[in-house]
Amino acid sequence: LVFKALQTYSNKEVVRWIEVPQEGQDEPDNPAPVLALSAPAEDGHGHG
């Protein structure tokens, strides 16, 4: 899952972490946060 983020500083500067990393390519300058998902739990109910 890709989550795009904006980081704002006290001097009004805004850093846009919105570039989606692509497999086989160098990491972009401002990569978006990416959550890697693991295989489903055997019981099918996750951590619950």
ModelCIF file with pLDDT and N, C-alpha, C, O atoms, coordinates in Angstrom:
data_MODEL
#
_entry.id   MODEL 
#
_entity.id                         1 
_entity.type                       polymer 
_entity.pdbx_number_of_molecules   1 
#
_entity_poly.entity_id                      1 
_entity_poly.type                           'polypeptide(L)' 
_entity_poly.nstd_linkage                   no 
_entity_poly.nstd_monomer                   no 
_entity_poly.pdbx_seq_one_letter_code       LVFKALQTYSNKEVVRWIEVPQEGQDEPDNPAPVLALSAPAEDGHGHG 
_entity_poly.pdbx_seq_one_letter_code_can   LVFKALQTYSNKEVVRWIEVPQEGQDEPDNPAPVLALSAPAEDGHGHG 
_entity_poly.pdbx_strand_id                 A 
#
loop_
_entity_poly_seq.entity_id 
_entity_poly_seq.num 
_entity_poly_seq.mon_id 
_entity_poly_seq.hetero 
1 1  LEU n 
1 2  VAL n 
1 3  PHE n 
1 4  LYS n 
1 5  ALA n 
1 6  LEU n 
1 7  GLN n 
1 8  THR n 
1 9  TYR n 
1 10 SER n 
1 11 ASN n 
1 12 LYS n 
1 13 GLU n 
1 14 VAL n 
1 15 VAL n 
1 16 ARG n 
1 17 TRP n 
1 18 ILE n 
1 19 GLU n 
1 20 VAL n 
1 21 PRO n 
1 22 GLN n 
1 23 GLU n 
1 24 GLY n 
1 25 GLN n 
1 26 ASP n 
1 27 GLU n 
1 28 PRO n 
1 29 ASP n 
1 30 ASN n 
1 31 PRO n 
1 32 ALA n 
1 33 PRO n 
1 34 VAL n 
1 35 LEU n 
1 36 ALA n 
1 37 LEU n 
1 38 SER n 
1 39 ALA n 
1 40 PRO n 
1 41 ALA n 
1 42 GLU n 
1 43 ASP n 
1 44 GLY n 
1 45 HIS n 
1 46 GLY n 
1 47 HIS n 
1 48 GLY n 
#
_struct_asym.id          A 
_struct_asym.entity_id   1 
#
loop_
_ma_qa_metric.id 
_ma_qa_metric.mode 
_ma_qa_metric.name 
_ma_qa_metric.software_group_id 
_ma_qa_metric.type 
1 global pLDDT . pLDDT 
2 local  pLDDT . pLDDT 
#
_ma_qa_metric_global.metric_id      1 
_ma_qa_metric_global.metric_value   87.58 
_ma_qa_metric_global.model_id       1 
_ma_qa_metric_global.ordinal_id     1 
#
loop_
_ma_qa_metric_local.label_asym_id 
_ma_qa_metric_local.label_comp_id 
_ma_qa_metric_local.label_seq_id 
_ma_qa_metric_local.metric_id 
_ma_qa_metric_local.metric_value 
_ma_qa_metric_local.model_id 
_ma_qa_metric_local.ordinal_id 
A LEU 1  2 97.00 1 1  
A VAL 2  2 97.00 1 2  
A PHE 3  2 97.00 1 3  
A LYS 4  2 97.00 1 4  
A ALA 5  2 98.00 1 5  
A LEU 6  2 98.00 1 6  
A GLN 7  2 98.00 1 7  
A THR 8  2 98.00 1 8  
A TYR 9  2 98.00 1 9  
A SER 10 2 97.00 1 10 
A ASN 11 2 97.00 1 11 
A LYS 12 2 96.00 1 12 
A GLU 13 2 97.00 1 13 
A VAL 14 2 97.00 1 14 
A VAL 15 2 97.00 1 15 
A ARG 16 2 97.00 1 16 
A TRP 17 2 97.00 1 17 
A ILE 18 2 97.00 1 18 
A GLU 19 2 95.00 1 19 
A VAL 20 2 92.00 1 20 
A PRO 21 2 85.00 1 21 
A GLN 22 2 85.00 1 22 
A GLU 23 2 82.00 1 23 
A GLY 24 2 83.00 1 24 
A GLN 25 2 84.00 1 25 
A ASP 26 2 87.00 1 26 
A GLU 27 2 86.00 1 27 
A PRO 28 2 90.00 1 28 
A ASP 29 2 91.00 1 29 
A ASN 30 2 94.00 1 30 
A PRO 31 2 95.00 1 31 
A ALA 32 2 96.00 1 32 
A PRO 33 2 96.00 1 33 
A VAL 34 2 96.00 1 34 
A LEU 35 2 97.00 1 35 
A ALA 36 2 95.00 1 36 
A LEU 37 2 96.00 1 37 
A SER 38 2 94.00 1 38 
A ALA 39 2 93.00 1 39 
A PRO 40 2 90.00 1 40 
A ALA 41 2 78.00 1 41 
A GLU 42 2 72.00 1 42 
A ASP 43 2 59.00 1 43 
A GLY 44 2 51.00 1 44 
A HIS 45 2 50.00 1 45 
A GLY 46 2 49.00 1 46 
A HIS 47 2 49.00 1 47 
A GLY 48 2 44.00 1 48 
#
loop_
_atom_site.group_PDB 
_atom_site.id 
_atom_site.type_symbol 
_atom_site.label_atom_id 
_atom_site.label_alt_id 
_atom_site.label_comp_id 
_atom_site.label_asym_id 
_atom_site.label_entity_id 
_atom_site.label_seq_id 
_atom_site.pdbx_PDB_ins_code 
_atom_site.Cartn_x 
_atom_site.Cartn_y 
_atom_site.Cartn_z 
_atom_site.occupancy 
_atom_site.B_iso_or_equiv 
_atom_site.pdbx_formal_charge 
_atom_site.auth_seq_id 
_atom_site.auth_comp_id 
_atom_site.auth_asym_id 
_atom_site.auth_atom_id 
_atom_site.pdbx_PDB_model_num 
ATOM 1   N N  . LEU A 1 1  ? 0.858  -1.178  0.000   1.00 97.00 ? 1  LEU A N  1 
ATOM 2   C CA . LEU A 1 1  ? 0.000  0.000   0.000   1.00 97.00 ? 1  LEU A CA 1 
ATOM 3   C C  . LEU A 1 1  ? 0.897  1.232   0.000   1.00 97.00 ? 1  LEU A C  1 
ATOM 4   O O  . LEU A 1 1  ? 1.881  1.296   0.738   1.00 97.00 ? 1  LEU A O  1 
ATOM 5   N N  . VAL A 1 2  ? 0.549  2.209   -0.834  1.00 97.00 ? 2  VAL A N  1 
ATOM 6   C CA . VAL A 1 2  ? 1.331  3.436   -0.945  1.00 97.00 ? 2  VAL A CA 1 
ATOM 7   C C  . VAL A 1 2  ? 0.578  4.575   -0.264  1.00 97.00 ? 2  VAL A C  1 
ATOM 8   O O  . VAL A 1 2  ? -0.586 4.835   -0.569  1.00 97.00 ? 2  VAL A O  1 
ATOM 9   N N  . PHE A 1 3  ? 1.258  5.250   0.664   1.00 97.00 ? 3  PHE A N  1 
ATOM 10  C CA . PHE A 1 3  ? 0.686  6.389   1.376   1.00 97.00 ? 3  PHE A CA 1 
ATOM 11  C C  . PHE A 1 3  ? 1.502  7.630   1.005   1.00 97.00 ? 3  PHE A C  1 
ATOM 12  O O  . PHE A 1 3  ? 2.697  7.696   1.293   1.00 97.00 ? 3  PHE A O  1 
ATOM 13  N N  . LYS A 1 4  ? 0.864  8.605   0.371   1.00 97.00 ? 4  LYS A N  1 
ATOM 14  C CA . LYS A 1 4  ? 1.560  9.834   0.024   1.00 97.00 ? 4  LYS A CA 1 
ATOM 15  C C  . LYS A 1 4  ? 1.470  10.814  1.195   1.00 97.00 ? 4  LYS A C  1 
ATOM 16  O O  . LYS A 1 4  ? 0.419  10.959  1.820   1.00 97.00 ? 4  LYS A O  1 
ATOM 17  N N  . ALA A 1 5  ? 2.597  11.486  1.482   1.00 98.00 ? 5  ALA A N  1 
ATOM 18  C CA . ALA A 1 5  ? 2.654  12.324  2.679   1.00 98.00 ? 5  ALA A CA 1 
ATOM 19  C C  . ALA A 1 5  ? 3.218  13.707  2.363   1.00 98.00 ? 5  ALA A C  1 
ATOM 20  O O  . ALA A 1 5  ? 4.057  13.872  1.477   1.00 98.00 ? 5  ALA A O  1 
ATOM 21  N N  . LEU A 1 6  ? 2.730  14.699  3.120   1.00 98.00 ? 6  LEU A N  1 
ATOM 22  C CA . LEU A 1 6  ? 3.247  16.065  3.051   1.00 98.00 ? 6  LEU A CA 1 
ATOM 23  C C  . LEU A 1 6  ? 3.784  16.443  4.428   1.00 98.00 ? 6  LEU A C  1 
ATOM 24  O O  . LEU A 1 6  ? 3.083  16.318  5.433   1.00 98.00 ? 6  LEU A O  1 
ATOM 25  N N  . GLN A 1 7  ? 5.024  16.903  4.464   1.00 98.00 ? 7  GLN A N  1 
ATOM 26  C CA . GLN A 1 7  ? 5.672  17.300  5.713   1.00 98.00 ? 7  GLN A CA 1 
ATOM 27  C C  . GLN A 1 7  ? 5.881  18.809  5.703   1.00 98.00 ? 7  GLN A C  1 
ATOM 28  O O  . GLN A 1 7  ? 6.584  19.342  4.844   1.00 98.00 ? 7  GLN A O  1 
ATOM 29  N N  . THR A 1 8  ? 5.261  19.495  6.671   1.00 98.00 ? 8  THR A N  1 
ATOM 30  C CA . THR A 1 8  ? 5.348  20.955  6.723   1.00 98.00 ? 8  THR A CA 1 
ATOM 31  C C  . THR A 1 8  ? 6.231  21.384  7.885   1.00 98.00 ? 8  THR A C  1 
ATOM 32  O O  . THR A 1 8  ? 6.118  20.871  8.998   1.00 98.00 ? 8  THR A O  1 
ATOM 33  N N  . TYR A 1 9  ? 7.125  22.352  7.594   1.00 98.00 ? 9  TYR A N  1 
ATOM 34  C CA . TYR A 1 9  ? 8.042  22.870  8.610   1.00 98.00 ? 9  TYR A CA 1 
ATOM 35  C C  . TYR A 1 9  ? 7.555  24.223  9.146   1.00 98.00 ? 9  TYR A C  1 
ATOM 36  O O  . TYR A 1 9  ? 6.668  24.865  8.583   1.00 98.00 ? 9  TYR A O  1 
ATOM 37  N N  . SER A 1 10 ? 8.176  24.621  10.256  1.00 97.00 ? 10 SER A N  1 
ATOM 38  C CA . SER A 1 10 ? 7.776  25.878  10.903  1.00 97.00 ? 10 SER A CA 1 
ATOM 39  C C  . SER A 1 10 ? 8.100  27.093  10.049  1.00 97.00 ? 10 SER A C  1 
ATOM 40  O O  . SER A 1 10 ? 7.529  28.162  10.265  1.00 97.00 ? 10 SER A O  1 
ATOM 41  N N  . ASN A 1 11 ? 9.011  26.953  9.077   1.00 97.00 ? 11 ASN A N  1 
ATOM 42  C CA . ASN A 1 11 ? 9.331  28.069  8.177   1.00 97.00 ? 11 ASN A CA 1 
ATOM 43  C C  . ASN A 1 11 ? 8.451  28.058  6.919   1.00 97.00 ? 11 ASN A C  1 
ATOM 44  O O  . ASN A 1 11 ? 8.754  28.741  5.940   1.00 97.00 ? 11 ASN A O  1 
ATOM 45  N N  . LYS A 1 12 ? 7.361  27.279  6.953   1.00 96.00 ? 12 LYS A N  1 
ATOM 46  C CA . LYS A 1 12 ? 6.370  27.181  5.872   1.00 96.00 ? 12 LYS A CA 1 
ATOM 47  C C  . LYS A 1 12 ? 6.827  26.309  4.698   1.00 96.00 ? 12 LYS A C  1 
ATOM 48  O O  . LYS A 1 12 ? 6.112  26.193  3.703   1.00 96.00 ? 12 LYS A O  1 
ATOM 49  N N  . GLU A 1 13 ? 8.001  25.701  4.805   1.00 97.00 ? 13 GLU A N  1 
ATOM 50  C CA . GLU A 1 13 ? 8.453  24.797  3.744   1.00 97.00 ? 13 GLU A CA 1 
ATOM 51  C C  . GLU A 1 13 ? 7.633  23.508  3.782   1.00 97.00 ? 13 GLU A C  1 
ATOM 52  O O  . GLU A 1 13 ? 7.353  22.977  4.857   1.00 97.00 ? 13 GLU A O  1 
ATOM 53  N N  . VAL A 1 14 ? 7.252  23.011  2.615   1.00 97.00 ? 14 VAL A N  1 
ATOM 54  C CA . VAL A 1 14 ? 6.482  21.769  2.508   1.00 97.00 ? 14 VAL A CA 1 
ATOM 55  C C  . VAL A 1 14 ? 7.274  20.779  1.654   1.00 97.00 ? 14 VAL A C  1 
ATOM 56  O O  . VAL A 1 14 ? 7.624  21.073  0.511   1.00 97.00 ? 14 VAL A O  1 
ATOM 57  N N  . VAL A 1 15 ? 7.550  19.606  2.221   1.00 97.00 ? 15 VAL A N  1 
ATOM 58  C CA . VAL A 1 15 ? 8.230  18.536  1.494   1.00 97.00 ? 15 VAL A CA 1 
ATOM 59  C C  . VAL A 1 15 ? 7.191  17.497  1.103   1.00 97.00 ? 15 VAL A C  1 
ATOM 60  O O  . VAL A 1 15 ? 6.460  16.991  1.954   1.00 97.00 ? 15 VAL A O  1 
ATOM 61  N N  . ARG A 1 16 ? 7.128  17.181  -0.178  1.00 97.00 ? 16 ARG A N  1 
ATOM 62  C CA . ARG A 1 16 ? 6.094  16.287  -0.708  1.00 97.00 ? 16 ARG A CA 1 
ATOM 63  C C  . ARG A 1 16 ? 6.691  14.892  -0.931  1.00 97.00 ? 16 ARG A C  1 
ATOM 64  O O  . ARG A 1 16 ? 7.430  14.662  -1.888  1.00 97.00 ? 16 ARG A O  1 
ATOM 65  N N  . TRP A 1 17 ? 6.353  13.973  -0.026  1.00 97.00 ? 17 TRP A N  1 
ATOM 66  C CA . TRP A 1 17 ? 6.811  12.585  -0.136  1.00 97.00 ? 17 TRP A CA 1 
ATOM 67  C C  . TRP A 1 17 ? 5.744  11.808  -0.922  1.00 97.00 ? 17 TRP A C  1 
ATOM 68  O O  . TRP A 1 17 ? 4.916  11.099  -0.350  1.00 97.00 ? 17 TRP A O  1 
ATOM 69  N N  . ILE A 1 18 ? 5.793  11.967  -2.255  1.00 97.00 ? 18 ILE A N  1 
ATOM 70  C CA . ILE A 1 18 ? 4.696  11.428  -3.075  1.00 97.00 ? 18 ILE A CA 1 
ATOM 71  C C  . ILE A 1 18 ? 5.177  10.597  -4.263  1.00 97.00 ? 18 ILE A C  1 
ATOM 72  O O  . ILE A 1 18 ? 4.354  10.084  -5.020  1.00 97.00 ? 18 ILE A O  1 
ATOM 73  N N  . GLU A 1 19 ? 6.474  10.455  -4.441  1.00 95.00 ? 19 GLU A N  1 
ATOM 74  C CA . GLU A 1 19 ? 6.985  9.696   -5.579  1.00 95.00 ? 19 GLU A CA 1 
ATOM 75  C C  . GLU A 1 19 ? 6.946  8.201   -5.282  1.00 95.00 ? 19 GLU A C  1 
ATOM 76  O O  . GLU A 1 19 ? 7.503  7.747   -4.282  1.00 95.00 ? 19 GLU A O  1 
ATOM 77  N N  . VAL A 1 20 ? 6.291  7.443   -6.149  1.00 92.00 ? 20 VAL A N  1 
ATOM 78  C CA . VAL A 1 20 ? 6.125  6.010   -5.927  1.00 92.00 ? 20 VAL A CA 1 
ATOM 79  C C  . VAL A 1 20 ? 7.380  5.271   -6.402  1.00 92.00 ? 20 VAL A C  1 
ATOM 80  O O  . VAL A 1 20 ? 7.733  5.360   -7.578  1.00 92.00 ? 20 VAL A O  1 
ATOM 81  N N  . PRO A 1 21 ? 8.053  4.548   -5.515  1.00 85.00 ? 21 PRO A N  1 
ATOM 82  C CA . PRO A 1 21 ? 9.242  3.784   -5.925  1.00 85.00 ? 21 PRO A CA 1 
ATOM 83  C C  . PRO A 1 21 ? 8.868  2.706   -6.941  1.00 85.00 ? 21 PRO A C  1 
ATOM 84  O O  . PRO A 1 21 ? 7.829  2.058   -6.819  1.00 85.00 ? 21 PRO A O  1 
ATOM 85  N N  . GLN A 1 22 ? 9.715  2.526   -7.930  1.00 85.00 ? 22 GLN A N  1 
ATOM 86  C CA . GLN A 1 22 ? 9.488  1.533   -8.977  1.00 85.00 ? 22 GLN A CA 1 
ATOM 87  C C  . GLN A 1 22 ? 10.537 0.428   -8.872  1.00 85.00 ? 22 GLN A C  1 
ATOM 88  O O  . GLN A 1 22 ? 11.727 0.686   -8.691  1.00 85.00 ? 22 GLN A O  1 
ATOM 89  N N  . GLU A 1 23 ? 10.059 -0.812  -8.991  1.00 82.00 ? 23 GLU A N  1 
ATOM 90  C CA . GLU A 1 23 ? 10.966 -1.950  -8.896  1.00 82.00 ? 23 GLU A CA 1 
ATOM 91  C C  . GLU A 1 23 ? 12.003 -1.906  -10.024 1.00 82.00 ? 23 GLU A C  1 
ATOM 92  O O  . GLU A 1 23 ? 11.674 -1.663  -11.185 1.00 82.00 ? 23 GLU A O  1 
ATOM 93  N N  . GLY A 1 24 ? 13.267 -2.149  -9.647  1.00 83.00 ? 24 GLY A N  1 
ATOM 94  C CA . GLY A 1 24 ? 14.349 -2.148  -10.630 1.00 83.00 ? 24 GLY A CA 1 
ATOM 95  C C  . GLY A 1 24 ? 14.923 -0.781  -10.921 1.00 83.00 ? 24 GLY A C  1 
ATOM 96  O O  . GLY A 1 24 ? 15.847 -0.657  -11.726 1.00 83.00 ? 24 GLY A O  1 
ATOM 97  N N  . GLN A 1 25 ? 14.385 0.269   -10.270 1.00 84.00 ? 25 GLN A N  1 
ATOM 98  C CA . GLN A 1 25 ? 14.877 1.625   -10.485 1.00 84.00 ? 25 GLN A CA 1 
ATOM 99  C C  . GLN A 1 25 ? 15.419 2.200   -9.187  1.00 84.00 ? 25 GLN A C  1 
ATOM 100 O O  . GLN A 1 25 ? 15.095 1.719   -8.100  1.00 84.00 ? 25 GLN A O  1 
ATOM 101 N N  . ASP A 1 26 ? 16.251 3.238   -9.306  1.00 87.00 ? 26 ASP A N  1 
ATOM 102 C CA . ASP A 1 26 ? 16.793 3.897   -8.124  1.00 87.00 ? 26 ASP A CA 1 
ATOM 103 C C  . ASP A 1 26 ? 15.671 4.546   -7.321  1.00 87.00 ? 26 ASP A C  1 
ATOM 104 O O  . ASP A 1 26 ? 14.642 4.951   -7.863  1.00 87.00 ? 26 ASP A O  1 
ATOM 105 N N  . GLU A 1 27 ? 15.902 4.630   -6.013  1.00 86.00 ? 27 GLU A N  1 
ATOM 106 C CA . GLU A 1 27 ? 14.898 5.262   -5.161  1.00 86.00 ? 27 GLU A CA 1 
ATOM 107 C C  . GLU A 1 27 ? 14.772 6.740   -5.519  1.00 86.00 ? 27 GLU A C  1 
ATOM 108 O O  . GLU A 1 27 ? 15.784 7.425   -5.665  1.00 86.00 ? 27 GLU A O  1 
ATOM 109 N N  . PRO A 1 28 ? 13.557 7.238   -5.661  1.00 90.00 ? 28 PRO A N  1 
ATOM 110 C CA . PRO A 1 28 ? 13.371 8.665   -6.000  1.00 90.00 ? 28 PRO A CA 1 
ATOM 111 C C  . PRO A 1 28 ? 13.828 9.572   -4.869  1.00 90.00 ? 28 PRO A C  1 
ATOM 112 O O  . PRO A 1 28 ? 14.065 9.123   -3.747  1.00 90.00 ? 28 PRO A O  1 
ATOM 113 N N  . ASP A 1 29 ? 13.944 10.839  -5.179  1.00 91.00 ? 29 ASP A N  1 
ATOM 114 C CA . ASP A 1 29 ? 14.397 11.809  -4.180  1.00 91.00 ? 29 ASP A CA 1 
ATOM 115 C C  . ASP A 1 29 ? 13.397 11.978  -3.051  1.00 91.00 ? 29 ASP A C  1 
ATOM 116 O O  . ASP A 1 29 ? 13.792 12.174  -1.902  1.00 91.00 ? 29 ASP A O  1 
ATOM 117 N N  . ASN A 1 30 ? 12.118 11.905  -3.355  1.00 94.00 ? 30 ASN A N  1 
ATOM 118 C CA . ASN A 1 30 ? 11.076 12.076  -2.344  1.00 94.00 ? 30 ASN A CA 1 
ATOM 119 C C  . ASN A 1 30 ? 10.103 10.891  -2.390  1.00 94.00 ? 30 ASN A C  1 
ATOM 120 O O  . ASN A 1 30 ? 8.958  11.035  -2.819  1.00 94.00 ? 30 ASN A O  1 
ATOM 121 N N  . PRO A 1 31 ? 10.573 9.726   -1.946  1.00 95.00 ? 31 PRO A N  1 
ATOM 122 C CA . PRO A 1 31 ? 9.725  8.515   -2.034  1.00 95.00 ? 31 PRO A CA 1 
ATOM 123 C C  . PRO A 1 31 ? 8.527  8.575   -1.092  1.00 95.00 ? 31 PRO A C  1 
ATOM 124 O O  . PRO A 1 31 ? 8.619  9.083   0.026   1.00 95.00 ? 31 PRO A O  1 
ATOM 125 N N  . ALA A 1 32 ? 7.423  8.056   -1.561  1.00 96.00 ? 32 ALA A N  1 
ATOM 126 C CA . ALA A 1 32 ? 6.228  7.952   -0.719  1.00 96.00 ? 32 ALA A CA 1 
ATOM 127 C C  . ALA A 1 32 ? 6.389  6.775   0.236   1.00 96.00 ? 32 ALA A C  1 
ATOM 128 O O  . ALA A 1 32 ? 7.043  5.793   -0.115  1.00 96.00 ? 32 ALA A O  1 
ATOM 129 N N  . PRO A 1 33 ? 5.809  6.847   1.436   1.00 96.00 ? 33 PRO A N  1 
ATOM 130 C CA . PRO A 1 33 ? 5.846  5.711   2.357   1.00 96.00 ? 33 PRO A CA 1 
ATOM 131 C C  . PRO A 1 33 ? 5.106  4.509   1.762   1.00 96.00 ? 33 PRO A C  1 
ATOM 132 O O  . PRO A 1 33 ? 3.981  4.639   1.280   1.00 96.00 ? 33 PRO A O  1 
ATOM 133 N N  . VAL A 1 34 ? 5.747  3.347   1.802   1.00 96.00 ? 34 VAL A N  1 
ATOM 134 C CA . VAL A 1 34 ? 5.167  2.130   1.240   1.00 96.00 ? 34 VAL A CA 1 
ATOM 135 C C  . VAL A 1 34 ? 5.086  1.059   2.323   1.00 96.00 ? 34 VAL A C  1 
ATOM 136 O O  . VAL A 1 34 ? 6.082  0.749   2.975   1.00 96.00 ? 34 VAL A O  1 
ATOM 137 N N  . LEU A 1 35 ? 3.895  0.498   2.508   1.00 97.00 ? 35 LEU A N  1 
ATOM 138 C CA . LEU A 1 35 ? 3.678  -0.569  3.482   1.00 97.00 ? 35 LEU A CA 1 
ATOM 139 C C  . LEU A 1 35 ? 3.650  -1.911  2.768   1.00 97.00 ? 35 LEU A C  1 
ATOM 140 O O  . LEU A 1 35 ? 2.771  -2.156  1.942   1.00 97.00 ? 35 LEU A O  1 
ATOM 141 N N  . ALA A 1 36 ? 4.603  -2.780  3.080   1.00 95.00 ? 36 ALA A N  1 
ATOM 142 C CA . ALA A 1 36 ? 4.644  -4.118  2.479   1.00 95.00 ? 36 ALA A CA 1 
ATOM 143 C C  . ALA A 1 36 ? 3.681  -5.038  3.220   1.00 95.00 ? 36 ALA A C  1 
ATOM 144 O O  . ALA A 1 36 ? 3.659  -5.064  4.450   1.00 95.00 ? 36 ALA A O  1 
ATOM 145 N N  . LEU A 1 37 ? 2.887  -5.790  2.467   1.00 96.00 ? 37 LEU A N  1 
ATOM 146 C CA . LEU A 1 37 ? 1.911  -6.707  3.053   1.00 96.00 ? 37 LEU A CA 1 
ATOM 147 C C  . LEU A 1 37 ? 2.442  -8.133  2.999   1.00 96.00 ? 37 LEU A C  1 
ATOM 148 O O  . LEU A 1 37 ? 2.987  -8.571  1.985   1.00 96.00 ? 37 LEU A O  1 
ATOM 149 N N  . SER A 1 38 ? 2.274  -8.847  4.105   1.00 94.00 ? 38 SER A N  1 
ATOM 150 C CA . SER A 1 38 ? 2.718  -10.238 4.169   1.00 94.00 ? 38 SER A CA 1 
ATOM 151 C C  . SER A 1 38 ? 1.585  -11.173 3.775   1.00 94.00 ? 38 SER A C  1 
ATOM 152 O O  . SER A 1 38 ? 0.449  -10.739 3.584   1.00 94.00 ? 38 SER A O  1 
ATOM 153 N N  . ALA A 1 39 ? 1.900  -12.460 3.654   1.00 93.00 ? 39 ALA A N  1 
ATOM 154 C CA . ALA A 1 39 ? 0.898  -13.455 3.271   1.00 93.00 ? 39 ALA A CA 1 
ATOM 155 C C  . ALA A 1 39 ? -0.216 -13.515 4.309   1.00 93.00 ? 39 ALA A C  1 
ATOM 156 O O  . ALA A 1 39 ? 0.021  -13.230 5.483   1.00 93.00 ? 39 ALA A O  1 
ATOM 157 N N  . PRO A 1 40 ? -1.431 -13.881 3.894   1.00 90.00 ? 40 PRO A N  1 
ATOM 158 C CA . PRO A 1 40 ? -2.543 -13.962 4.847   1.00 90.00 ? 40 PRO A CA 1 
ATOM 159 C C  . PRO A 1 40 ? -2.249 -14.951 5.965   1.00 90.00 ? 40 PRO A C  1 
ATOM 160 O O  . PRO A 1 40 ? -1.549 -15.942 5.759   1.00 90.00 ? 40 PRO A O  1 
ATOM 161 N N  . ALA A 1 41 ? -2.787 -14.678 7.153   1.00 78.00 ? 41 ALA A N  1 
ATOM 162 C CA . ALA A 1 41 ? -2.641 -15.599 8.267   1.00 78.00 ? 41 ALA A CA 1 
ATOM 163 C C  . ALA A 1 41 ? -3.353 -16.903 7.943   1.00 78.00 ? 41 ALA A C  1 
ATOM 164 O O  . ALA A 1 41 ? -4.355 -16.904 7.228   1.00 78.00 ? 41 ALA A O  1 
ATOM 165 N N  . GLU A 1 42 ? -2.833 -18.032 8.473   1.00 72.00 ? 42 GLU A N  1 
ATOM 166 C CA . GLU A 1 42 ? -3.396 -19.342 8.158   1.00 72.00 ? 42 GLU A CA 1 
ATOM 167 C C  . GLU A 1 42 ? -4.849 -19.465 8.593   1.00 72.00 ? 42 GLU A C  1 
ATOM 168 O O  . GLU A 1 42 ? -5.648 -20.137 7.942   1.00 72.00 ? 42 GLU A O  1 
ATOM 169 N N  . ASP A 1 43 ? -5.187 -18.802 9.711   1.00 59.00 ? 43 ASP A N  1 
ATOM 170 C CA . ASP A 1 43 ? -6.573 -18.892 10.199  1.00 59.00 ? 43 ASP A CA 1 
ATOM 171 C C  . ASP A 1 43 ? -7.486 -17.923 9.469   1.00 59.00 ? 43 ASP A C  1 
ATOM 172 O O  . ASP A 1 43 ? -8.708 -17.985 9.606   1.00 59.00 ? 43 ASP A O  1 
ATOM 173 N N  . GLY A 1 44 ? -6.874 -17.008 8.676   1.00 51.00 ? 44 GLY A N  1 
ATOM 174 C CA . GLY A 1 44 ? -7.677 -16.084 7.887   1.00 51.00 ? 44 GLY A CA 1 
ATOM 175 C C  . GLY A 1 44 ? -8.259 -14.936 8.669   1.00 51.00 ? 44 GLY A C  1 
ATOM 176 O O  . GLY A 1 44 ? -9.124 -14.216 8.170   1.00 51.00 ? 44 GLY A O  1 
ATOM 177 N N  . HIS A 1 45 ? -7.790 -14.752 9.908   1.00 50.00 ? 45 HIS A N  1 
ATOM 178 C CA . HIS A 1 45 ? -8.364 -13.680 10.725  1.00 50.00 ? 45 HIS A CA 1 
ATOM 179 C C  . HIS A 1 45 ? -7.335 -12.639 11.123  1.00 50.00 ? 45 HIS A C  1 
ATOM 180 O O  . HIS A 1 45 ? -7.641 -11.748 11.915  1.00 50.00 ? 45 HIS A O  1 
ATOM 181 N N  . GLY A 1 46 ? -6.130 -12.728 10.597  1.00 49.00 ? 46 GLY A N  1 
ATOM 182 C CA . GLY A 1 46 ? -5.133 -11.725 10.924  1.00 49.00 ? 46 GLY A CA 1 
ATOM 183 C C  . GLY A 1 46 ? -4.745 -11.767 12.379  1.00 49.00 ? 46 GLY A C  1 
ATOM 184 O O  . GLY A 1 46 ? -4.819 -12.815 13.021  1.00 49.00 ? 46 GLY A O  1 
ATOM 185 N N  . HIS A 1 47 ? -4.324 -10.610 12.908  1.00 49.00 ? 47 HIS A N  1 
ATOM 186 C CA . HIS A 1 47 ? -3.844 -10.591 14.284  1.00 49.00 ? 47 HIS A CA 1 
ATOM 187 C C  . HIS A 1 47 ? -4.968 -10.695 15.282  1.00 49.00 ? 47 HIS A C  1 
ATOM 188 O O  . HIS A 1 47 ? -4.711 -10.906 16.467  1.00 49.00 ? 47 HIS A O  1 
ATOM 189 N N  . GLY A 1 48 ? -6.219 -10.555 14.845  1.00 44.00 ? 48 GLY A N  1 
ATOM 190 C CA . GLY A 1 48 ? -7.329 -10.682 15.788  1.00 44.00 ? 48 GLY A CA 1 
ATOM 191 C C  . GLY A 1 48 ? -7.405 -12.088 16.348  1.00 44.00 ? 48 GLY A C  1 
ATOM 192 O O  . GLY A 1 48 ? -8.281 -12.382 17.161  1.00 44.00 ? 48 GLY A O  1 
#
